[in-house]
Amino acid sequence: MDSKTSTPSRAKLEELRVRVQQRLRELREAPRTVPPNPPPRYDEIFTRGQQWLDELAAGPDLHGEAEP
């Protein structure tokens, strides 16, 4: 049973291997993350929000008083 598709030659396989290796090298050299634009602000509002989240994470008051 003969196949209608031809098998790639060694030269084509080597060319493909070189191209893949080159692309992988480019991806390794490229920066992985993009810096945020605009940069984050760590101001008073951020600090108050962080404190509020910490209070929520602590759960209900252990003395039995529920917050309104």
N, C-alpha and C. Protein backbone atom coordinates (compact mmCIF):
# COMPACT_ATOMS: atom_id res chain seq x y z
N MET A 1 0.85 -1.17 0.00
CA MET A 1 0.00 0.00 0.00
C MET A 1 0.90 1.24 0.00
N ASP A 2 0.84 2.03 -1.05
CA ASP A 2 1.68 3.22 -1.18
C ASP A 2 0.98 4.43 -0.60
N SER A 3 1.75 5.26 0.07
CA SER A 3 1.22 6.48 0.65
C SER A 3 1.30 7.60 -0.37
N LYS A 4 0.30 8.44 -0.40
CA LYS A 4 0.26 9.57 -1.34
C LYS A 4 1.09 10.75 -0.82
N THR A 5 1.34 10.79 0.49
CA THR A 5 2.11 11.89 1.05
C THR A 5 3.58 11.51 1.09
N SER A 6 4.43 12.47 0.79
CA SER A 6 5.85 12.19 0.82
C SER A 6 6.40 12.50 2.20
N THR A 7 7.43 11.78 2.57
CA THR A 7 8.05 12.04 3.85
C THR A 7 9.04 13.19 3.68
N PRO A 8 9.14 14.06 4.69
CA PRO A 8 10.06 15.19 4.57
C PRO A 8 11.51 14.71 4.52
N SER A 9 12.30 15.41 3.76
CA SER A 9 13.70 15.04 3.64
C SER A 9 14.46 15.44 4.91
N ARG A 10 15.64 14.89 5.06
CA ARG A 10 16.47 15.22 6.22
C ARG A 10 16.79 16.71 6.24
N ALA A 11 17.01 17.30 5.09
CA ALA A 11 17.34 18.72 5.02
C ALA A 11 16.17 19.56 5.51
N LYS A 12 14.96 19.21 5.11
CA LYS A 12 13.78 19.96 5.55
C LYS A 12 13.57 19.78 7.05
N LEU A 13 13.77 18.57 7.56
CA LEU A 13 13.62 18.34 9.00
C LEU A 13 14.66 19.15 9.78
N GLU A 14 15.89 19.18 9.28
CA GLU A 14 16.93 19.95 9.96
C GLU A 14 16.61 21.44 9.93
N GLU A 15 16.10 21.92 8.80
CA GLU A 15 15.72 23.34 8.70
C GLU A 15 14.61 23.67 9.69
N LEU A 16 13.64 22.79 9.79
CA LEU A 16 12.54 22.99 10.73
C LEU A 16 13.05 22.98 12.17
N ARG A 17 13.96 22.05 12.49
CA ARG A 17 14.51 21.97 13.83
C ARG A 17 15.27 23.25 14.17
N VAL A 18 16.03 23.78 13.23
CA VAL A 18 16.78 25.02 13.46
C VAL A 18 15.82 26.18 13.70
N ARG A 19 14.75 26.26 12.91
CA ARG A 19 13.77 27.34 13.08
C ARG A 19 13.09 27.26 14.44
N VAL A 20 12.74 26.06 14.87
CA VAL A 20 12.09 25.89 16.17
C VAL A 20 13.05 26.29 17.29
N GLN A 21 14.30 25.84 17.20
CA GLN A 21 15.29 26.20 18.21
C GLN A 21 15.51 27.71 18.26
N GLN A 22 15.55 28.35 17.10
CA GLN A 22 15.73 29.80 17.05
C GLN A 22 14.55 30.52 17.70
N ARG A 23 13.34 30.05 17.42
CA ARG A 23 12.14 30.66 18.02
C ARG A 23 12.13 30.48 19.53
N LEU A 24 12.52 29.31 20.01
CA LEU A 24 12.58 29.08 21.45
C LEU A 24 13.62 29.99 22.11
N ARG A 25 14.75 30.18 21.44
CA ARG A 25 15.79 31.06 21.96
C ARG A 25 15.27 32.49 22.05
N GLU A 26 14.54 32.94 21.02
CA GLU A 26 13.96 34.29 21.03
C GLU A 26 12.97 34.45 22.17
N LEU A 27 12.15 33.43 22.40
CA LEU A 27 11.16 33.51 23.49
C LEU A 27 11.84 33.56 24.85
N ARG A 28 12.94 32.84 25.03
CA ARG A 28 13.66 32.87 26.30
C ARG A 28 14.29 34.23 26.55
N GLU A 29 14.74 34.90 25.49
CA GLU A 29 15.39 36.19 25.64
C GLU A 29 14.40 37.34 25.80
N ALA A 30 13.17 37.14 25.37
CA ALA A 30 12.16 38.20 25.44
C ALA A 30 11.73 38.41 26.89
N PRO A 31 11.38 39.64 27.26
CA PRO A 31 10.88 39.87 28.62
C PRO A 31 9.59 39.09 28.84
N ARG A 32 9.47 38.50 30.01
CA ARG A 32 8.31 37.66 30.31
C ARG A 32 7.08 38.45 30.73
N THR A 33 7.28 39.59 31.36
CA THR A 33 6.14 40.37 31.81
C THR A 33 6.22 41.78 31.26
N VAL A 34 5.08 42.37 31.17
CA VAL A 34 4.98 43.76 30.73
C VAL A 34 4.73 44.61 31.97
N PRO A 35 5.54 45.63 32.19
CA PRO A 35 5.31 46.45 33.38
C PRO A 35 3.95 47.16 33.29
N PRO A 36 3.26 47.31 34.42
CA PRO A 36 1.95 47.96 34.38
C PRO A 36 2.08 49.42 33.95
N ASN A 37 1.09 49.85 33.23
CA ASN A 37 1.07 51.24 32.78
C ASN A 37 -0.30 51.80 33.05
N PRO A 38 -0.47 52.73 33.89
CA PRO A 38 0.49 53.43 34.73
C PRO A 38 0.95 52.56 35.88
N PRO A 39 2.08 52.88 36.48
CA PRO A 39 2.55 52.08 37.61
C PRO A 39 1.59 52.18 38.79
N PRO A 40 1.53 51.13 39.62
CA PRO A 40 0.60 51.15 40.75
C PRO A 40 0.97 52.24 41.77
N ARG A 41 -0.08 52.76 42.41
CA ARG A 41 0.14 53.77 43.46
C ARG A 41 -0.13 53.11 44.81
N TYR A 42 0.79 53.25 45.70
CA TYR A 42 0.62 52.74 47.06
C TYR A 42 0.44 53.95 47.97
N ASP A 43 -0.79 54.46 47.98
CA ASP A 43 -1.08 55.66 48.74
C ASP A 43 -1.99 55.33 49.92
N GLU A 44 -2.60 56.36 50.50
CA GLU A 44 -3.45 56.19 51.68
C GLU A 44 -4.66 55.32 51.35
N ILE A 45 -5.24 55.49 50.19
CA ILE A 45 -6.41 54.69 49.82
C ILE A 45 -6.04 53.22 49.73
N PHE A 46 -4.88 52.92 49.16
CA PHE A 46 -4.41 51.54 49.09
C PHE A 46 -4.25 50.95 50.49
N THR A 47 -3.63 51.72 51.38
CA THR A 47 -3.39 51.26 52.75
C THR A 47 -4.70 50.99 53.48
N ARG A 48 -5.67 51.91 53.34
CA ARG A 48 -6.97 51.70 54.01
C ARG A 48 -7.69 50.48 53.43
N GLY A 49 -7.60 50.30 52.13
CA GLY A 49 -8.22 49.13 51.52
C GLY A 49 -7.59 47.83 51.99
N GLN A 50 -6.29 47.84 52.13
CA GLN A 50 -5.58 46.67 52.61
C GLN A 50 -5.98 46.36 54.06
N GLN A 51 -6.10 47.39 54.88
CA GLN A 51 -6.53 47.19 56.27
C GLN A 51 -7.95 46.63 56.32
N TRP A 52 -8.82 47.13 55.47
CA TRP A 52 -10.21 46.66 55.43
C TRP A 52 -10.25 45.18 55.04
N LEU A 53 -9.44 44.81 54.04
CA LEU A 53 -9.41 43.40 53.63
C LEU A 53 -8.85 42.52 54.74
N ASP A 54 -7.85 43.01 55.45
CA ASP A 54 -7.31 42.24 56.58
C ASP A 54 -8.35 42.04 57.66
N GLU A 55 -9.17 43.05 57.92
CA GLU A 55 -10.24 42.93 58.92
C GLU A 55 -11.28 41.91 58.46
N LEU A 56 -11.60 41.92 57.18
CA LEU A 56 -12.57 40.93 56.67
C LEU A 56 -12.01 39.52 56.78
N ALA A 57 -10.72 39.37 56.53
CA ALA A 57 -10.10 38.05 56.59
C ALA A 57 -10.04 37.51 58.01
N ALA A 58 -10.01 38.41 58.99
CA ALA A 58 -9.94 37.99 60.38
C ALA A 58 -11.24 37.34 60.84
N GLY A 59 -12.34 37.58 60.16
CA GLY A 59 -13.61 36.98 60.52
C GLY A 59 -14.36 37.82 61.53
N PRO A 60 -15.48 37.27 62.07
CA PRO A 60 -16.28 38.01 63.05
C PRO A 60 -15.51 38.20 64.35
N ASP A 61 -15.95 39.18 65.09
CA ASP A 61 -15.33 39.48 66.38
C ASP A 61 -15.47 38.26 67.31
N LEU A 62 -14.39 37.90 67.97
CA LEU A 62 -14.40 36.72 68.83
C LEU A 62 -15.12 36.94 70.15
N HIS A 63 -15.48 38.18 70.48
CA HIS A 63 -16.17 38.49 71.72
C HIS A 63 -17.68 38.39 71.58
N GLY A 64 -18.16 37.94 70.44
CA GLY A 64 -19.59 37.74 70.24
C GLY A 64 -20.32 38.95 69.71
N GLU A 65 -19.62 40.02 69.48
CA GLU A 65 -20.27 41.21 68.95
C GLU A 65 -20.14 41.22 67.43
N ALA A 66 -21.28 41.31 66.78
CA ALA A 66 -21.28 41.34 65.32
C ALA A 66 -21.19 42.77 64.86
N GLU A 67 -20.44 42.99 63.78
CA GLU A 67 -20.35 44.35 63.21
C GLU A 67 -21.60 44.62 62.39
N PRO A 68 -22.09 45.86 62.42
CA PRO A 68 -23.31 46.19 61.65
C PRO A 68 -23.05 46.16 60.16
